[in-house]
Amino acid sequence: MNKRTLVFFILISVLIGTWAGVMSQGYLGGDWRVICLIGLGATMGSLILLRLTVLYCIRGWDYFNATMEKTSVEVLLGGMLGMLLGITIGFILGYPFVVIDIAGEYIKFVSFFVCGFLGLNIGRKKAYDFMNLIRPTNSKDSLALYRNDKVLDTSAIIDGRIYDVALSGFLEGELVVPAFVIEELRHIADSSDYIRRSKGRRGLEILSKMQKHPGMKIGIYEGDFPDEREVDMKLLRLCKDLDASIVTNDYNLNKVAELQGIKVLNVNELTNAVKVIVFPGETMKVNIIKEGKEDGQGVGYLEDGTMVVVENGQEEIGQEIEVMVTSVFQTAAGRMIFTKKSKEGSRISQTMQKLQEVNLFG
């Protein structure tokens, strides 16, 4: 508060205090001490009330501006159209009750208020559906009258594999990144912890890379949900408002979204679904990187992260060798492939070939 405003408030408060003291003279008599005390109290009370009123008005105006900046044009238009439609319906429903003497006006007012409030909320939540109905469509997208957007979670952006999935063309619709997710990435990138800072910077780099790619449809949602503190709850609210799917690697968010009826696209589940299928007898090359649990075993990994256990492969640590698959097991932690070195597995291969010849020629 600047000096001019403070002086103005003091002058107004003094005028109010003087008026209160003069008016009290007719009720309390001519005791000047009582009149001065009342005037001083009215002056101090007026000054405090004026200051509080101005502070709350400034805060309310700042909150209004911040909300308008974060709210998209589609949501604003949808809310206005929904409120106008609700008021119209409320007028139609409440008009017949006007003939009632006293209760009619109250019923009409309640009908206006309830229908207008419902119309505002429905229009705000279904704003994108309204825009799709108004927005002209050509022959190519006339069949796509529904939104098929995907909202990206912080974990999915940091993971980075969503970039390759989107680049492959298997995702339909637009990728939506909320502004509060970008803000969370910025906070992670500014963290004092080295690992968190690296993850945050990686997420920002992936997001920038996706925005610059001409073949990806990615949009920034500027809206926010001030009544929700957690980013996960904001994401769920956004998916419901947009009727969109959520892309995440967060296990807890995955389960909560499924409970609320939101479609979840989990990159980890996609990775498990597209892993290479191998059969006993096939050969492959694998780099042995460490020892196995059993004596003499060596362990390597395929490009998709599948563990490969090589019998008698402990001596080959640090080398890439050719192995032959003997068996495949699916466990709770993932898939495990058991193999033997090709030289040691040649006899198994010959046996399998003889069995195939027996089946073919009887």
Protein backbone atom coordinates (compact mmCIF):
# COMPACT_ATOMS: atom_id res chain seq x y z
CA MET A 1 0.00 0.00 0.00
CA ASN A 2 1.52 3.34 -1.08
CA LYS A 3 1.51 6.60 0.89
CA ARG A 4 -1.26 8.26 -1.13
CA THR A 5 -3.62 5.37 -0.54
CA LEU A 6 -2.79 5.34 3.18
CA VAL A 7 -3.43 9.08 3.49
CA PHE A 8 -6.73 8.69 1.63
CA PHE A 9 -7.81 5.88 3.99
CA ILE A 10 -6.87 7.97 7.03
CA LEU A 11 -8.92 10.94 5.78
CA ILE A 12 -11.96 8.73 5.10
CA SER A 13 -11.59 7.09 8.53
CA VAL A 14 -11.33 10.47 10.26
CA LEU A 15 -14.50 11.67 8.50
CA ILE A 16 -16.34 8.50 9.52
CA GLY A 17 -15.08 8.83 13.12
CA THR A 18 -16.13 12.51 13.26
CA TRP A 19 -19.56 11.68 11.90
CA ALA A 20 -19.96 8.85 14.44
CA GLY A 21 -18.93 11.16 17.31
CA VAL A 22 -21.35 13.92 16.24
CA MET A 23 -24.21 11.47 15.80
CA SER A 24 -23.55 9.94 19.25
CA GLN A 25 -23.85 13.34 20.91
CA GLY A 26 -27.63 13.30 20.59
CA TYR A 27 -27.92 9.88 22.25
CA LEU A 28 -25.23 10.02 24.94
CA GLY A 29 -25.41 13.64 25.99
CA GLY A 30 -22.74 16.34 25.83
CA ASP A 31 -19.87 14.57 27.56
CA TRP A 32 -16.95 15.41 25.27
CA ARG A 33 -14.80 12.55 26.58
CA VAL A 34 -17.36 9.95 25.51
CA ILE A 35 -17.78 11.64 22.13
CA CYS A 36 -14.01 11.66 21.52
CA LEU A 37 -13.71 8.03 22.57
CA ILE A 38 -16.48 6.96 20.20
CA GLY A 39 -15.01 9.04 17.37
CA LEU A 40 -11.53 7.57 17.92
CA GLY A 41 -12.90 4.01 18.01
CA ALA A 42 -14.92 4.58 14.83
CA THR A 43 -11.84 6.04 13.13
CA MET A 44 -9.61 3.07 14.01
CA GLY A 45 -12.30 0.53 13.12
CA SER A 46 -12.96 2.22 9.76
CA LEU A 47 -9.24 2.28 8.95
CA ILE A 48 -8.88 -1.44 9.70
CA LEU A 49 -12.01 -2.38 7.75
CA LEU A 50 -10.97 -0.30 4.73
CA ARG A 51 -7.51 -1.86 4.68
CA LEU A 52 -8.88 -5.41 4.95
CA THR A 53 -11.46 -4.72 2.26
CA VAL A 54 -8.84 -3.45 -0.17
CA LEU A 55 -6.51 -6.39 0.53
CA TYR A 56 -9.26 -8.94 -0.07
CA CYS A 57 -10.32 -7.14 -3.25
CA ILE A 58 -6.73 -7.21 -4.55
CA ARG A 59 -6.37 -10.91 -3.73
CA GLY A 60 -9.70 -11.69 -5.37
CA TRP A 61 -8.72 -9.77 -8.49
CA ASP A 62 -5.34 -11.55 -8.67
CA TYR A 63 -7.04 -14.92 -8.24
CA PHE A 64 -9.53 -14.04 -10.98
CA ASN A 65 -6.74 -13.05 -13.38
CA ALA A 66 -4.72 -16.20 -12.61
CA THR A 67 -7.79 -18.38 -13.15
CA MET A 68 -8.58 -16.69 -16.45
CA GLU A 69 -5.00 -17.19 -17.65
CA LYS A 70 -5.01 -20.88 -16.79
CA THR A 71 -8.47 -21.58 -18.19
CA SER A 72 -8.67 -22.40 -21.88
CA VAL A 73 -10.96 -20.54 -24.28
CA GLU A 74 -12.94 -23.74 -24.92
CA VAL A 75 -13.77 -24.10 -21.23
CA LEU A 76 -14.81 -20.44 -20.96
CA LEU A 77 -17.08 -20.63 -23.99
CA GLY A 78 -18.50 -23.96 -22.88
CA GLY A 79 -19.27 -22.61 -19.41
CA MET A 80 -20.95 -19.48 -20.79
CA LEU A 81 -23.06 -21.41 -23.28
CA GLY A 82 -23.99 -23.96 -20.63
CA MET A 83 -25.01 -21.23 -18.17
CA LEU A 84 -27.15 -19.42 -20.77
CA LEU A 85 -28.83 -22.67 -21.72
CA GLY A 86 -29.40 -23.48 -18.04
CA ILE A 87 -30.94 -20.05 -17.35
CA THR A 88 -33.23 -20.50 -20.35
CA ILE A 89 -34.37 -23.89 -19.10
CA GLY A 90 -34.79 -22.46 -15.59
CA PHE A 91 -36.99 -19.67 -16.98
CA ILE A 92 -39.16 -22.19 -18.83
CA LEU A 93 -39.48 -24.41 -15.77
CA GLY A 94 -40.09 -21.57 -13.30
CA TYR A 95 -42.50 -19.47 -15.36
CA PRO A 96 -45.65 -21.54 -14.59
CA PHE A 97 -45.10 -21.00 -10.84
CA VAL A 98 -45.31 -17.18 -11.13
CA VAL A 99 -49.09 -17.35 -10.68
CA ILE A 100 -48.58 -18.52 -7.09
CA ASP A 101 -48.79 -15.46 -4.83
CA ILE A 102 -45.80 -15.61 -2.50
CA ALA A 103 -43.96 -18.87 -3.18
CA GLY A 104 -43.97 -18.37 -6.96
CA GLU A 105 -41.17 -15.78 -6.97
CA TYR A 106 -39.00 -17.93 -4.72
CA ILE A 107 -39.58 -21.03 -6.86
CA LYS A 108 -38.66 -19.07 -9.99
CA PHE A 109 -35.48 -17.77 -8.35
CA VAL A 110 -34.45 -21.25 -7.18
CA SER A 111 -35.16 -22.65 -10.66
CA PHE A 112 -33.00 -19.94 -12.26
CA PHE A 113 -30.13 -20.52 -9.82
CA VAL A 114 -30.13 -24.34 -9.91
CA CYS A 115 -30.45 -24.64 -13.71
CA GLY A 116 -27.86 -21.92 -14.31
CA PHE A 117 -25.39 -23.55 -11.90
CA LEU A 118 -25.89 -26.99 -13.47
CA GLY A 119 -25.54 -25.54 -16.96
CA LEU A 120 -22.30 -23.78 -16.03
CA ASN A 121 -20.70 -26.93 -14.63
CA ILE A 122 -21.92 -29.21 -17.44
CA GLY A 123 -20.78 -26.73 -20.08
CA ARG A 124 -17.35 -26.37 -18.45
CA LYS A 125 -16.78 -30.11 -18.22
CA LYS A 126 -18.12 -30.90 -21.70
CA ALA A 127 -16.58 -27.85 -23.38
CA TYR A 128 -14.43 -29.85 -25.81
CA ASP A 129 -17.42 -31.95 -26.88
CA PHE A 130 -19.35 -28.74 -27.63
CA MET A 131 -16.42 -27.38 -29.62
CA ASN A 132 -16.25 -30.60 -31.65
CA LEU A 133 -19.92 -30.22 -32.58
CA ILE A 134 -19.43 -26.59 -33.63
CA ARG A 135 -16.05 -27.08 -35.31
CA PRO A 136 -16.44 -27.93 -39.04
CA THR A 137 -15.18 -31.34 -40.13
CA ASN A 138 -14.12 -32.51 -43.56
CA SER A 139 -14.67 -35.88 -45.17
CA LYS A 140 -11.47 -37.35 -43.77
CA ASP A 141 -12.28 -36.75 -40.13
CA SER A 142 -16.08 -36.91 -40.33
CA LEU A 143 -15.98 -40.33 -38.71
CA ALA A 144 -13.80 -39.10 -35.83
CA LEU A 145 -16.45 -37.17 -33.91
CA TYR A 146 -15.02 -38.25 -30.56
CA ARG A 147 -11.90 -37.07 -28.79
CA ASN A 148 -9.09 -39.56 -28.53
CA ASP A 149 -6.52 -37.51 -26.64
CA LYS A 150 -3.84 -38.91 -24.35
CA VAL A 151 -2.80 -36.99 -21.23
CA LEU A 152 0.89 -37.51 -20.38
CA ASP A 153 1.94 -38.09 -16.79
CA THR A 154 5.27 -36.89 -15.37
CA SER A 155 6.58 -40.46 -15.09
CA ALA A 156 5.76 -41.21 -18.74
CA ILE A 157 7.62 -38.10 -19.92
CA ILE A 158 10.69 -38.82 -17.79
CA ASP A 159 10.70 -42.46 -18.97
CA GLY A 160 11.12 -41.25 -22.56
CA ARG A 161 9.79 -44.34 -24.33
CA ILE A 162 6.54 -42.54 -25.14
CA TYR A 163 8.50 -40.54 -27.72
CA ASP A 164 9.38 -43.69 -29.69
CA VAL A 165 5.84 -45.05 -29.32
CA ALA A 166 4.33 -41.80 -30.63
CA LEU A 167 6.91 -41.66 -33.41
CA SER A 168 5.90 -45.14 -34.58
CA GLY A 169 2.36 -43.90 -35.32
CA PHE A 170 0.51 -46.34 -33.07
CA LEU A 171 -1.06 -43.56 -30.96
CA GLU A 172 -4.16 -41.78 -32.27
CA GLY A 173 -5.31 -38.35 -31.23
CA GLU A 174 -3.37 -35.54 -29.62
CA LEU A 175 -0.87 -35.84 -26.78
CA VAL A 176 -1.84 -33.40 -24.03
CA VAL A 177 0.70 -32.13 -21.50
CA PRO A 178 -0.84 -30.11 -18.63
CA ALA A 179 0.93 -26.98 -17.45
CA PHE A 180 1.04 -28.30 -13.87
CA VAL A 181 2.97 -31.37 -15.11
CA ILE A 182 5.54 -29.08 -16.76
CA GLU A 183 5.77 -27.15 -13.49
CA GLU A 184 6.41 -30.41 -11.61
CA LEU A 185 9.14 -31.31 -14.12
CA ARG A 186 10.74 -27.91 -13.54
CA HIS A 187 10.73 -28.45 -9.77
CA ILE A 188 12.33 -31.89 -10.22
CA ALA A 189 14.95 -30.40 -12.55
CA ASP A 190 15.82 -27.80 -9.90
CA SER A 191 16.16 -30.41 -7.15
CA SER A 192 19.35 -30.56 -5.10
CA ASP A 193 19.45 -34.35 -5.51
CA TYR A 194 21.53 -35.34 -8.52
CA ILE A 195 19.31 -38.26 -9.61
CA ARG A 196 16.08 -36.26 -9.37
CA ARG A 197 17.69 -33.32 -11.16
CA SER A 198 18.85 -35.60 -13.99
CA LYS A 199 15.38 -37.11 -14.33
CA GLY A 200 13.75 -33.69 -14.45
CA ARG A 201 16.13 -32.40 -17.10
CA ARG A 202 15.65 -35.57 -19.14
CA GLY A 203 11.88 -35.08 -19.00
CA LEU A 204 12.15 -31.48 -20.17
CA GLU A 205 14.47 -32.52 -23.01
CA ILE A 206 12.07 -35.28 -24.12
CA LEU A 207 9.15 -32.85 -24.03
CA SER A 208 11.06 -30.26 -26.07
CA LYS A 209 12.04 -32.96 -28.55
CA MET A 210 8.43 -34.03 -28.95
CA GLN A 211 7.24 -30.44 -29.48
CA LYS A 212 9.82 -29.80 -32.20
CA HIS A 213 8.98 -32.98 -34.13
CA PRO A 214 6.64 -32.06 -37.03
CA GLY A 215 4.92 -35.44 -37.06
CA MET A 216 3.66 -35.33 -33.46
CA LYS A 217 0.46 -33.66 -32.30
CA ILE A 218 1.20 -32.35 -28.83
CA GLY A 219 -0.68 -29.62 -27.00
CA ILE A 220 -0.19 -27.77 -23.71
CA TYR A 221 -3.23 -27.57 -21.43
CA GLU A 222 -3.02 -24.26 -19.56
CA GLY A 223 -5.90 -24.95 -17.17
CA ASP A 224 -5.53 -25.93 -13.53
CA PHE A 225 -7.56 -27.26 -10.62
CA PRO A 226 -6.73 -25.02 -7.63
CA ASP A 227 -8.92 -27.07 -5.28
CA GLU A 228 -6.69 -30.13 -5.86
CA ARG A 229 -3.22 -30.10 -4.30
CA GLU A 230 -1.76 -33.34 -5.71
CA VAL A 231 -0.72 -33.54 -9.35
CA ASP A 232 -2.17 -37.06 -9.65
CA MET A 233 -5.65 -35.88 -8.65
CA LYS A 234 -5.38 -32.96 -11.09
CA LEU A 235 -4.51 -35.43 -13.87
CA LEU A 236 -7.53 -37.59 -13.07
CA ARG A 237 -9.81 -34.53 -13.04
CA LEU A 238 -8.40 -33.41 -16.38
CA CYS A 239 -8.91 -36.85 -17.97
CA LYS A 240 -12.53 -36.83 -16.84
CA ASP A 241 -13.12 -33.32 -18.17
CA LEU A 242 -11.52 -34.09 -21.55
CA ASP A 243 -12.82 -37.67 -21.68
CA ALA A 244 -9.23 -38.65 -22.47
CA SER A 245 -6.87 -41.52 -21.64
CA ILE A 246 -3.88 -41.18 -19.35
CA VAL A 247 -0.35 -42.35 -20.19
CA THR A 248 1.60 -43.25 -17.07
CA ASN A 249 4.15 -45.64 -15.57
CA ASP A 250 3.04 -44.91 -12.00
CA TYR A 251 1.56 -48.08 -10.48
CA ASN A 252 -0.59 -46.27 -7.88
CA LEU A 253 -1.94 -43.74 -10.39
CA ASN A 254 -2.65 -46.62 -12.77
CA LYS A 255 -4.84 -48.40 -10.21
CA VAL A 256 -6.67 -45.25 -9.07
CA ALA A 257 -7.43 -44.27 -12.67
CA GLU A 258 -8.81 -47.74 -13.40
CA LEU A 259 -11.06 -47.53 -10.32
CA GLN A 260 -12.45 -44.20 -11.59
CA GLY A 261 -13.16 -45.63 -15.05
CA ILE A 262 -10.34 -43.79 -16.86
CA LYS A 263 -8.55 -45.65 -19.64
CA VAL A 264 -4.87 -46.16 -18.81
CA LEU A 265 -2.02 -46.63 -21.29
CA ASN A 266 0.96 -48.07 -19.43
CA VAL A 267 4.25 -48.10 -21.34
CA ASN A 268 5.57 -50.94 -19.18
CA GLU A 269 2.61 -53.15 -20.13
CA LEU A 270 3.17 -52.24 -23.78
CA THR A 271 6.83 -53.21 -23.47
CA ASN A 272 5.93 -56.60 -22.02
CA ALA A 273 3.38 -57.16 -24.76
CA VAL A 274 5.83 -56.54 -27.62
CA LYS A 275 8.78 -58.50 -26.28
CA VAL A 276 10.44 -60.86 -28.72
CA ILE A 277 9.02 -64.39 -28.62
CA VAL A 278 11.64 -67.12 -28.71
CA PHE A 279 11.29 -70.91 -28.89
CA PRO A 280 13.55 -73.75 -27.69
CA GLY A 281 16.17 -74.54 -30.32
CA GLU A 282 16.55 -70.96 -31.61
CA THR A 283 19.94 -69.27 -31.48
CA MET A 284 20.76 -65.69 -30.50
CA LYS A 285 23.68 -63.52 -29.53
CA VAL A 286 23.91 -62.13 -26.01
CA ASN A 287 26.52 -60.19 -24.05
CA ILE A 288 27.34 -61.86 -20.72
CA ILE A 289 27.61 -59.12 -18.08
CA LYS A 290 27.55 -60.89 -14.70
CA GLU A 291 27.46 -64.20 -12.86
CA GLY A 292 24.26 -66.12 -12.26
CA LYS A 293 22.87 -67.53 -9.01
CA GLU A 294 23.98 -71.08 -9.79
CA ASP A 295 27.60 -72.13 -10.20
CA GLY A 296 28.97 -71.55 -13.68
CA GLN A 297 25.97 -69.53 -14.91
CA GLY A 298 26.32 -66.28 -16.81
CA VAL A 299 23.60 -63.65 -17.17
CA GLY A 300 22.91 -61.26 -20.03
CA TYR A 301 19.99 -59.15 -21.20
CA LEU A 302 18.23 -58.60 -24.49
CA GLU A 303 17.47 -55.11 -25.80
CA ASP A 304 13.96 -55.22 -24.30
CA GLY A 305 15.34 -56.08 -20.86
CA THR A 306 14.60 -59.83 -20.88
CA MET A 307 17.02 -61.78 -18.69
CA VAL A 308 19.04 -64.51 -20.45
CA VAL A 309 20.68 -67.17 -18.27
CA VAL A 310 23.54 -69.00 -19.99
CA GLU A 311 24.64 -72.36 -18.63
CA ASN A 312 28.44 -72.59 -18.20
CA GLY A 313 28.69 -68.98 -19.32
CA GLN A 314 30.54 -67.62 -16.29
CA GLU A 315 33.86 -67.80 -18.12
CA GLU A 316 32.47 -65.63 -20.95
CA ILE A 317 31.69 -62.55 -18.82
CA GLY A 318 32.31 -59.38 -20.83
CA GLN A 319 32.02 -61.16 -24.19
CA GLU A 320 29.24 -61.53 -26.73
CA ILE A 321 28.59 -65.17 -27.58
CA GLU A 322 26.06 -67.16 -29.55
CA VAL A 323 23.68 -69.24 -27.44
CA MET A 324 20.81 -71.64 -28.08
CA VAL A 325 17.49 -71.42 -26.21
CA THR A 326 16.65 -74.46 -24.08
CA SER A 327 13.57 -73.18 -22.17
CA VAL A 328 11.53 -70.05 -21.45
CA PHE A 329 9.86 -69.25 -18.12
CA GLN A 330 7.39 -66.50 -17.29
CA THR A 331 7.73 -65.21 -13.72
CA ALA A 332 6.14 -62.39 -11.72
CA ALA A 333 9.28 -60.30 -12.26
CA GLY A 334 9.25 -60.89 -16.01
CA ARG A 335 10.34 -63.45 -18.56
CA MET A 336 13.54 -65.50 -18.20
CA ILE A 337 15.26 -67.35 -21.05
CA PHE A 338 17.57 -70.28 -20.24
CA THR A 339 20.20 -71.06 -22.83
CA LYS A 340 23.37 -73.02 -23.55
CA LYS A 341 26.37 -72.03 -25.57
CA SER A 342 25.89 -73.01 -29.19
CA LYS A 343 28.81 -75.45 -29.17
CA GLU A 344 27.45 -77.27 -26.14
CA GLY A 345 23.96 -77.16 -27.54
CA SER A 346 24.82 -78.63 -30.95
CA ARG A 347 23.88 -82.12 -29.81
CA ILE A 348 20.47 -80.89 -28.67
CA SER A 349 20.02 -79.24 -32.07
CA GLN A 350 20.91 -82.46 -33.87
CA THR A 351 18.47 -84.41 -31.69
CA MET A 352 15.67 -81.97 -32.49
CA GLN A 353 16.44 -82.21 -36.20
CA LYS A 354 16.23 -86.03 -36.03
CA LEU A 355 12.89 -85.78 -34.23
CA GLN A 356 11.62 -83.46 -36.97
CA GLU A 357 12.81 -85.90 -39.65
CA VAL A 358 11.01 -88.75 -37.87
CA ASN A 359 7.82 -86.68 -37.80
CA LEU A 360 8.14 -85.82 -41.48
CA PHE A 361 9.09 -89.24 -42.88
CA GLY A 362 7.60 -91.51 -40.25
